[in-house]
């Protein structure tokens, strides 16, 4: 996953019931130099769906019409993302 797509994945996996509204995602995915808009978030969601279908097919990104996105897993699975520090030897 690219950095921005992974960032979207992280935000979606941390929401209540794994749902995040569009407005939150616009703000969270933007930065101080550029603003994120609906088109940007839609493109990132498209790439995330494509990448997950190849590597983790038991996860799905759903669009909640006019509200936002939701990440779902099969059989009520729990999604947990942990940061792994990269320590060079």
Protein backbone atom coordinates (compact mmCIF):
# COMPACT_ATOMS: atom_id res chain seq x y z
CA UNK A 1 0.00 0.00 0.00
CA UNK A 2 1.15 3.52 -0.63
CA UNK A 3 1.56 5.79 2.39
CA UNK A 4 -1.73 7.68 1.78
CA UNK A 5 -3.70 4.48 1.10
CA UNK A 6 -2.29 2.92 4.26
CA UNK A 7 -3.20 6.07 6.18
CA UNK A 8 -6.81 5.73 4.97
CA UNK A 9 -6.79 2.07 6.03
CA UNK A 10 -5.58 3.08 9.51
CA UNK A 11 -8.25 5.77 9.91
CA UNK A 12 -11.02 3.45 8.75
CA UNK A 13 -9.92 0.66 11.07
CA UNK A 14 -9.99 2.94 14.12
CA UNK A 15 -13.52 4.30 13.74
CA UNK A 16 -16.53 3.21 15.78
CA UNK A 17 -17.79 0.09 14.04
CA UNK A 18 -15.02 0.91 11.54
CA UNK A 19 -17.05 3.80 10.03
CA UNK A 20 -15.57 7.23 9.32
CA UNK A 21 -17.52 10.16 7.84
CA UNK A 22 -16.26 11.94 4.73
CA UNK A 23 -15.57 15.19 6.61
CA UNK A 24 -13.26 13.46 9.09
CA UNK A 25 -11.37 11.70 6.30
CA UNK A 26 -10.95 14.95 4.31
CA UNK A 27 -9.35 16.62 7.31
CA UNK A 28 -7.30 13.62 8.43
CA UNK A 29 -5.86 12.84 5.00
CA UNK A 30 -5.00 16.43 4.12
CA UNK A 31 -1.92 18.19 5.37
CA UNK A 32 -0.86 21.75 6.03
CA UNK A 33 0.22 22.25 2.41
CA UNK A 34 -2.69 20.63 0.59
CA UNK A 35 -6.32 20.03 1.32
CA UNK A 36 -7.99 16.71 0.77
CA UNK A 37 -11.33 16.66 -1.03
CA UNK A 38 -14.00 14.12 -1.88
CA UNK A 39 -12.31 13.12 -5.13
CA UNK A 40 -9.00 12.46 -3.37
CA UNK A 41 -10.67 10.32 -0.70
CA UNK A 42 -12.66 8.41 -3.35
CA UNK A 43 -9.47 7.65 -5.29
CA UNK A 44 -7.69 6.45 -2.15
CA UNK A 45 -10.68 4.25 -1.27
CA UNK A 46 -10.62 2.80 -4.80
CA UNK A 47 -6.93 1.89 -4.45
CA UNK A 48 -7.47 0.49 -0.96
CA UNK A 49 -10.31 -1.74 -2.18
CA UNK A 50 -8.18 -2.99 -5.06
CA UNK A 51 -5.15 -3.68 -2.87
CA UNK A 52 -7.16 -5.38 -0.12
CA UNK A 53 -8.97 -7.62 -2.60
CA UNK A 54 -5.58 -8.93 -3.72
CA UNK A 55 -3.81 -9.25 -0.38
CA UNK A 56 -6.53 -9.52 2.32
CA UNK A 57 -9.74 -10.61 0.58
CA UNK A 58 -11.58 -11.10 3.89
CA UNK A 59 -11.70 -7.29 4.33
CA UNK A 60 -13.96 -4.97 2.38
CA UNK A 61 -14.33 -1.19 2.16
CA UNK A 62 -17.98 -0.17 1.88
CA UNK A 63 -19.33 3.22 0.88
CA UNK A 64 -22.08 4.48 3.16
CA UNK A 65 -23.93 6.65 0.67
CA UNK A 66 -23.58 10.40 1.40
CA UNK A 67 -21.95 9.66 4.77
CA UNK A 68 -18.52 8.05 4.47
CA UNK A 69 -16.70 4.73 4.37
CA UNK A 70 -16.75 1.63 6.49
CA UNK A 71 -14.31 -1.24 6.72
CA UNK A 72 -15.80 -4.66 7.30
CA UNK A 73 -14.37 -8.09 7.82
CA UNK A 74 -15.95 -11.48 7.49
CA UNK A 75 -17.49 -13.13 10.54
CA UNK A 76 -17.27 -10.09 12.86
CA UNK A 77 -13.48 -10.25 12.80
CA UNK A 78 -11.55 -7.70 14.84
CA UNK A 79 -9.12 -5.41 13.04
CA UNK A 80 -6.08 -4.26 14.97
CA UNK A 81 -3.18 -2.30 13.57
CA UNK A 82 0.00 -2.02 15.56
CA UNK A 83 2.95 0.15 14.79
CA UNK A 84 6.17 -1.77 14.27
CA UNK A 85 9.33 0.19 14.76
CA UNK A 86 11.93 -0.35 12.07
CA UNK A 87 15.22 -0.80 13.86
CA UNK A 88 18.25 -0.98 11.65
CA UNK A 89 20.89 -3.46 12.73
